[in-house]
Amino acid sequence: MWGLGVLIPLLGACALRVSQDPAELRVMAGDEVALGCWVLVAEPWDLLRLEWVKGAGRGALCATRLHPTALASPAPCAPRLRLAWHPPRATLSLRQAQGDDAGRYLCRVTLEI
């Protein structure tokens, strides 16, 4: 049985910071768009889940599990989407932007243990 005094230090042991760029982007129909997500982890990690979501309350456009040394495109996404991982940056690329692609995109990262 773990004592509470032991759990508190373990919960804060691995700080995670995620930032996106660009913050806002305007494109013309037909353009290719690249959205970046920087993932900075203070401690060594073994596995994280990365998801790109659009809008609130919708499912993931693209999701994958990553290892620290994994490179290239880790998972297939929708036909016009491509996810690349070059640590510490993940890039979601969208080919041939269309009107219904407009909206807020969020890079969501979860450390898995």
N, C-alpha and C. Protein backbone atom coordinates (compact mmCIF):
# COMPACT_ATOMS: atom_id res chain seq x y z
N MET A 1 0.85 -1.18 0.00
CA MET A 1 0.00 0.00 0.00
C MET A 1 0.89 1.24 0.00
N TRP A 2 0.59 2.19 -0.87
CA TRP A 2 1.34 3.42 -0.96
C TRP A 2 0.81 4.42 0.05
N GLY A 3 1.71 5.08 0.73
CA GLY A 3 1.31 6.16 1.61
C GLY A 3 1.15 7.45 0.82
N LEU A 4 0.32 8.34 1.27
CA LEU A 4 0.06 9.59 0.58
C LEU A 4 1.34 10.40 0.42
N GLY A 5 2.22 10.35 1.39
CA GLY A 5 3.48 11.07 1.32
C GLY A 5 4.36 10.61 0.17
N VAL A 6 4.20 9.36 -0.28
CA VAL A 6 4.98 8.83 -1.39
C VAL A 6 4.35 9.23 -2.72
N LEU A 7 3.04 9.25 -2.82
CA LEU A 7 2.36 9.55 -4.08
C LEU A 7 2.53 10.99 -4.52
N ILE A 8 2.52 11.92 -3.62
CA ILE A 8 2.59 13.33 -4.01
C ILE A 8 3.87 13.64 -4.79
N PRO A 9 5.06 13.23 -4.34
CA PRO A 9 6.25 13.52 -5.14
C PRO A 9 6.21 12.83 -6.51
N LEU A 10 5.66 11.64 -6.60
CA LEU A 10 5.63 10.92 -7.87
C LEU A 10 4.71 11.61 -8.88
N LEU A 11 3.62 12.20 -8.46
CA LEU A 11 2.70 12.84 -9.38
C LEU A 11 3.33 14.03 -10.08
N GLY A 12 4.22 14.74 -9.44
CA GLY A 12 4.84 15.91 -10.04
C GLY A 12 6.20 15.61 -10.65
N ALA A 13 6.60 14.36 -10.73
CA ALA A 13 7.94 14.01 -11.15
C ALA A 13 8.19 14.27 -12.63
N CYS A 14 7.19 14.30 -13.46
CA CYS A 14 7.40 14.42 -14.90
C CYS A 14 6.58 15.57 -15.45
N ALA A 15 7.15 16.76 -15.48
CA ALA A 15 6.44 17.94 -15.97
C ALA A 15 6.37 17.90 -17.49
N LEU A 16 5.21 18.23 -18.03
CA LEU A 16 4.96 18.22 -19.46
C LEU A 16 4.52 19.61 -19.90
N ARG A 17 5.14 20.10 -20.97
CA ARG A 17 4.75 21.40 -21.51
C ARG A 17 4.51 21.24 -23.01
N VAL A 18 3.36 21.72 -23.47
CA VAL A 18 2.98 21.61 -24.87
C VAL A 18 2.66 23.00 -25.39
N SER A 19 3.19 23.34 -26.55
CA SER A 19 2.85 24.63 -27.18
C SER A 19 2.63 24.40 -28.67
N GLN A 20 1.80 25.25 -29.25
CA GLN A 20 1.46 25.13 -30.66
C GLN A 20 1.93 26.35 -31.43
N ASP A 21 2.29 26.14 -32.70
CA ASP A 21 2.58 27.25 -33.58
C ASP A 21 2.19 26.86 -35.00
N PRO A 22 1.71 27.75 -35.78
CA PRO A 22 1.38 29.13 -35.42
C PRO A 22 0.11 29.19 -34.59
N ALA A 23 -0.07 30.29 -33.86
CA ALA A 23 -1.26 30.46 -33.03
C ALA A 23 -2.49 30.64 -33.91
N GLU A 24 -2.34 31.35 -35.01
CA GLU A 24 -3.45 31.56 -35.94
C GLU A 24 -2.88 31.59 -37.35
N LEU A 25 -3.62 31.04 -38.28
CA LEU A 25 -3.14 30.92 -39.64
C LEU A 25 -4.29 31.10 -40.61
N ARG A 26 -4.10 31.95 -41.61
CA ARG A 26 -5.10 32.14 -42.67
C ARG A 26 -4.53 31.58 -43.96
N VAL A 27 -5.30 30.76 -44.64
CA VAL A 27 -4.84 30.15 -45.88
C VAL A 27 -5.92 30.27 -46.95
N MET A 28 -5.51 30.09 -48.17
CA MET A 28 -6.43 30.08 -49.30
C MET A 28 -6.83 28.64 -49.60
N ALA A 29 -7.99 28.46 -50.18
CA ALA A 29 -8.43 27.13 -50.59
C ALA A 29 -7.37 26.52 -51.51
N GLY A 30 -7.07 25.26 -51.28
CA GLY A 30 -6.07 24.55 -52.08
C GLY A 30 -4.67 24.57 -51.50
N ASP A 31 -4.42 25.45 -50.52
CA ASP A 31 -3.09 25.53 -49.90
C ASP A 31 -2.81 24.32 -49.04
N GLU A 32 -1.51 24.07 -48.81
CA GLU A 32 -1.10 23.08 -47.80
C GLU A 32 -0.82 23.82 -46.51
N VAL A 33 -1.26 23.26 -45.40
CA VAL A 33 -1.15 23.88 -44.09
C VAL A 33 -0.31 22.97 -43.19
N ALA A 34 0.57 23.56 -42.38
CA ALA A 34 1.35 22.80 -41.41
C ALA A 34 1.16 23.43 -40.04
N LEU A 35 0.68 22.62 -39.10
CA LEU A 35 0.48 23.06 -37.72
C LEU A 35 1.49 22.33 -36.84
N GLY A 36 2.22 23.10 -36.03
CA GLY A 36 3.25 22.51 -35.19
C GLY A 36 2.85 22.40 -33.74
N CYS A 37 3.36 21.37 -33.09
CA CYS A 37 3.10 21.12 -31.68
C CYS A 37 4.44 20.73 -31.04
N TRP A 38 4.92 21.57 -30.13
CA TRP A 38 6.18 21.31 -29.41
C TRP A 38 5.85 20.59 -28.12
N VAL A 39 6.51 19.46 -27.88
CA VAL A 39 6.28 18.65 -26.69
C VAL A 39 7.58 18.60 -25.89
N LEU A 40 7.57 19.25 -24.74
CA LEU A 40 8.76 19.29 -23.89
C LEU A 40 8.46 18.59 -22.58
N VAL A 41 9.25 17.58 -22.26
CA VAL A 41 9.06 16.78 -21.06
C VAL A 41 10.31 16.91 -20.20
N ALA A 42 10.13 17.25 -18.93
CA ALA A 42 11.26 17.50 -18.04
C ALA A 42 12.04 16.24 -17.68
N GLU A 43 11.38 15.11 -17.65
CA GLU A 43 12.02 13.86 -17.26
C GLU A 43 11.97 12.87 -18.43
N PRO A 44 12.85 11.87 -18.44
CA PRO A 44 12.77 10.83 -19.48
C PRO A 44 11.38 10.17 -19.48
N TRP A 45 10.91 9.81 -20.67
CA TRP A 45 9.60 9.19 -20.79
C TRP A 45 9.69 8.02 -21.76
N ASP A 46 8.72 7.12 -21.66
CA ASP A 46 8.71 5.93 -22.50
C ASP A 46 7.64 5.97 -23.59
N LEU A 47 6.49 6.57 -23.27
CA LEU A 47 5.37 6.53 -24.21
C LEU A 47 4.47 7.73 -23.98
N LEU A 48 4.07 8.40 -25.05
CA LEU A 48 3.07 9.45 -24.92
C LEU A 48 2.05 9.31 -26.04
N ARG A 49 0.86 9.78 -25.76
CA ARG A 49 -0.22 9.77 -26.75
C ARG A 49 -0.38 11.19 -27.26
N LEU A 50 -0.35 11.34 -28.58
CA LEU A 50 -0.51 12.65 -29.20
C LEU A 50 -1.74 12.61 -30.10
N GLU A 51 -2.61 13.59 -29.92
CA GLU A 51 -3.83 13.67 -30.71
C GLU A 51 -4.01 15.09 -31.23
N TRP A 52 -4.48 15.23 -32.45
CA TRP A 52 -4.91 16.51 -32.98
C TRP A 52 -6.42 16.46 -33.06
N VAL A 53 -7.07 17.42 -32.46
CA VAL A 53 -8.53 17.51 -32.48
C VAL A 53 -8.94 18.85 -33.08
N LYS A 54 -10.12 18.87 -33.68
CA LYS A 54 -10.64 20.10 -34.27
C LYS A 54 -11.93 20.44 -33.55
N GLY A 55 -12.03 21.68 -33.06
CA GLY A 55 -13.24 22.11 -32.38
C GLY A 55 -13.40 21.43 -31.03
N ALA A 56 -14.50 21.74 -30.38
CA ALA A 56 -14.77 21.17 -29.05
C ALA A 56 -15.70 19.97 -29.17
N GLY A 57 -15.41 18.94 -28.41
CA GLY A 57 -16.31 17.80 -28.31
C GLY A 57 -16.28 16.84 -29.48
N ARG A 58 -15.33 16.97 -30.38
CA ARG A 58 -15.23 16.04 -31.50
C ARG A 58 -14.10 15.06 -31.25
N GLY A 59 -14.12 13.98 -31.98
CA GLY A 59 -13.06 12.99 -31.85
C GLY A 59 -11.76 13.48 -32.47
N ALA A 60 -10.73 12.70 -32.31
CA ALA A 60 -9.41 13.06 -32.82
C ALA A 60 -9.36 12.95 -34.34
N LEU A 61 -8.74 13.95 -34.97
CA LEU A 61 -8.49 13.89 -36.41
C LEU A 61 -7.37 12.90 -36.70
N CYS A 62 -6.42 12.87 -35.80
CA CYS A 62 -5.26 12.02 -35.95
C CYS A 62 -4.73 11.73 -34.55
N ALA A 63 -4.40 10.48 -34.29
CA ALA A 63 -3.90 10.10 -32.96
C ALA A 63 -2.86 9.00 -33.11
N THR A 64 -1.87 9.04 -32.23
CA THR A 64 -0.84 8.01 -32.24
C THR A 64 -0.18 7.93 -30.88
N ARG A 65 0.51 6.84 -30.64
CA ARG A 65 1.36 6.68 -29.46
C ARG A 65 2.80 6.78 -29.94
N LEU A 66 3.61 7.53 -29.21
CA LEU A 66 4.98 7.81 -29.62
C LEU A 66 5.99 7.34 -28.58
N HIS A 67 7.13 6.91 -29.07
CA HIS A 67 8.28 6.60 -28.23
C HIS A 67 9.29 7.72 -28.44
N PRO A 68 10.16 7.98 -27.46
CA PRO A 68 11.08 9.13 -27.57
C PRO A 68 11.98 9.10 -28.79
N THR A 69 12.33 7.92 -29.29
CA THR A 69 13.25 7.83 -30.41
C THR A 69 12.56 7.60 -31.75
N ALA A 70 11.22 7.54 -31.77
CA ALA A 70 10.49 7.31 -33.01
C ALA A 70 10.58 8.54 -33.90
N LEU A 71 10.73 8.33 -35.21
CA LEU A 71 10.78 9.43 -36.17
C LEU A 71 9.77 9.17 -37.28
N ALA A 72 9.65 10.14 -38.18
CA ALA A 72 8.81 10.04 -39.39
C ALA A 72 7.33 10.05 -39.05
N SER A 73 6.53 9.50 -39.93
CA SER A 73 5.08 9.51 -39.77
C SER A 73 4.65 8.29 -38.97
N PRO A 74 4.24 8.48 -37.71
CA PRO A 74 3.93 7.33 -36.86
C PRO A 74 2.59 6.69 -37.12
N ALA A 75 1.64 7.40 -37.70
CA ALA A 75 0.31 6.81 -37.87
C ALA A 75 -0.40 7.44 -39.05
N PRO A 76 -1.17 6.62 -39.77
CA PRO A 76 -1.98 7.21 -40.84
C PRO A 76 -3.13 8.01 -40.25
N CYS A 77 -3.51 9.05 -40.97
CA CYS A 77 -4.63 9.88 -40.54
C CYS A 77 -5.66 9.89 -41.66
N ALA A 78 -6.52 10.87 -41.65
CA ALA A 78 -7.51 11.03 -42.72
C ALA A 78 -6.77 11.23 -44.05
N PRO A 79 -7.44 11.05 -45.17
CA PRO A 79 -6.77 11.09 -46.47
C PRO A 79 -5.93 12.35 -46.75
N ARG A 80 -6.34 13.51 -46.32
CA ARG A 80 -5.59 14.74 -46.59
C ARG A 80 -4.69 15.15 -45.44
N LEU A 81 -4.62 14.34 -44.38
CA LEU A 81 -3.82 14.68 -43.21
C LEU A 81 -2.60 13.78 -43.09
N ARG A 82 -1.51 14.37 -42.60
CA ARG A 82 -0.30 13.59 -42.34
C ARG A 82 0.31 14.08 -41.04
N LEU A 83 0.71 13.16 -40.19
CA LEU A 83 1.33 13.49 -38.91
C LEU A 83 2.79 13.07 -38.96
N ALA A 84 3.68 14.00 -38.65
CA ALA A 84 5.11 13.71 -38.60
C ALA A 84 5.62 14.00 -37.19
N TRP A 85 6.56 13.21 -36.72
CA TRP A 85 7.15 13.37 -35.40
C TRP A 85 8.65 13.46 -35.54
N HIS A 86 9.18 14.61 -35.23
CA HIS A 86 10.62 14.85 -35.18
C HIS A 86 10.88 15.50 -33.83
N PRO A 87 11.16 14.68 -32.81
CA PRO A 87 11.23 15.17 -31.42
C PRO A 87 12.06 16.45 -31.29
N PRO A 88 11.55 17.40 -30.59
CA PRO A 88 10.34 17.42 -29.76
C PRO A 88 9.11 17.99 -30.48
N ARG A 89 9.10 18.00 -31.83
CA ARG A 89 8.02 18.65 -32.58
C ARG A 89 7.19 17.63 -33.36
N ALA A 90 5.88 17.77 -33.23
CA ALA A 90 4.93 17.01 -34.05
C ALA A 90 4.29 18.00 -35.01
N THR A 91 4.14 17.61 -36.27
CA THR A 91 3.55 18.48 -37.27
C THR A 91 2.37 17.78 -37.92
N LEU A 92 1.23 18.47 -37.93
CA LEU A 92 0.05 17.99 -38.65
C LEU A 92 -0.01 18.78 -39.95
N SER A 93 0.07 18.07 -41.07
CA SER A 93 -0.01 18.71 -42.39
C SER A 93 -1.35 18.38 -43.02
N LEU A 94 -1.95 19.41 -43.61
CA LEU A 94 -3.23 19.28 -44.29
C LEU A 94 -3.04 19.68 -45.74
N ARG A 95 -3.31 18.77 -46.65
CA ARG A 95 -3.18 19.06 -48.08
C ARG A 95 -4.50 19.61 -48.62
N GLN A 96 -4.41 20.51 -49.55
CA GLN A 96 -5.56 21.06 -50.25
C GLN A 96 -6.66 21.54 -49.30
N ALA A 97 -6.35 22.58 -48.55
CA ALA A 97 -7.31 23.15 -47.59
C ALA A 97 -8.63 23.48 -48.28
N GLN A 98 -9.71 23.23 -47.55
CA GLN A 98 -11.06 23.52 -48.03
C GLN A 98 -11.78 24.36 -47.00
N GLY A 99 -12.90 24.93 -47.37
CA GLY A 99 -13.66 25.80 -46.48
C GLY A 99 -14.05 25.13 -45.17
N ASP A 100 -14.41 23.85 -45.20
CA ASP A 100 -14.83 23.18 -43.97
C ASP A 100 -13.65 22.79 -43.07
N ASP A 101 -12.43 23.06 -43.50
CA ASP A 101 -11.26 22.82 -42.65
C ASP A 101 -11.04 23.95 -41.66
N ALA A 102 -11.72 25.08 -41.86
CA ALA A 102 -11.56 26.22 -40.95
C ALA A 102 -12.00 25.83 -39.55
N GLY A 103 -11.31 26.35 -38.55
CA GLY A 103 -11.67 26.08 -37.17
C GLY A 103 -10.45 26.09 -36.27
N ARG A 104 -10.67 25.73 -35.02
CA ARG A 104 -9.60 25.67 -34.03
C ARG A 104 -9.08 24.24 -33.94
N TYR A 105 -7.78 24.11 -34.00
CA TYR A 105 -7.11 22.81 -33.92
C TYR A 105 -6.31 22.78 -32.62
N LEU A 106 -6.37 21.66 -31.94
CA LEU A 106 -5.70 21.53 -30.65
C LEU A 106 -4.82 20.29 -30.66
N CYS A 107 -3.60 20.47 -30.23
CA CYS A 107 -2.67 19.35 -30.04
C CYS A 107 -2.81 18.91 -28.59
N ARG A 108 -3.25 17.67 -28.39
CA ARG A 108 -3.47 17.15 -27.03
C ARG A 108 -2.46 16.03 -26.79
N VAL A 109 -1.70 16.17 -25.68
CA VAL A 109 -0.63 15.22 -25.38
C VAL A 109 -0.85 14.65 -23.97
N THR A 110 -0.70 13.33 -23.87
CA THR A 110 -0.85 12.64 -22.59
C THR A 110 0.34 11.71 -22.40
N LEU A 111 1.03 11.83 -21.27
CA LEU A 111 2.09 10.88 -20.94
C LEU A 111 1.44 9.61 -20.42
N GLU A 112 1.85 8.47 -20.97
CA GLU A 112 1.30 7.20 -20.51
C GLU A 112 2.31 6.48 -19.63
N ILE A 113 1.79 5.88 -18.58
CA ILE A 113 2.66 5.11 -17.68
C ILE A 113 2.17 3.70 -17.57
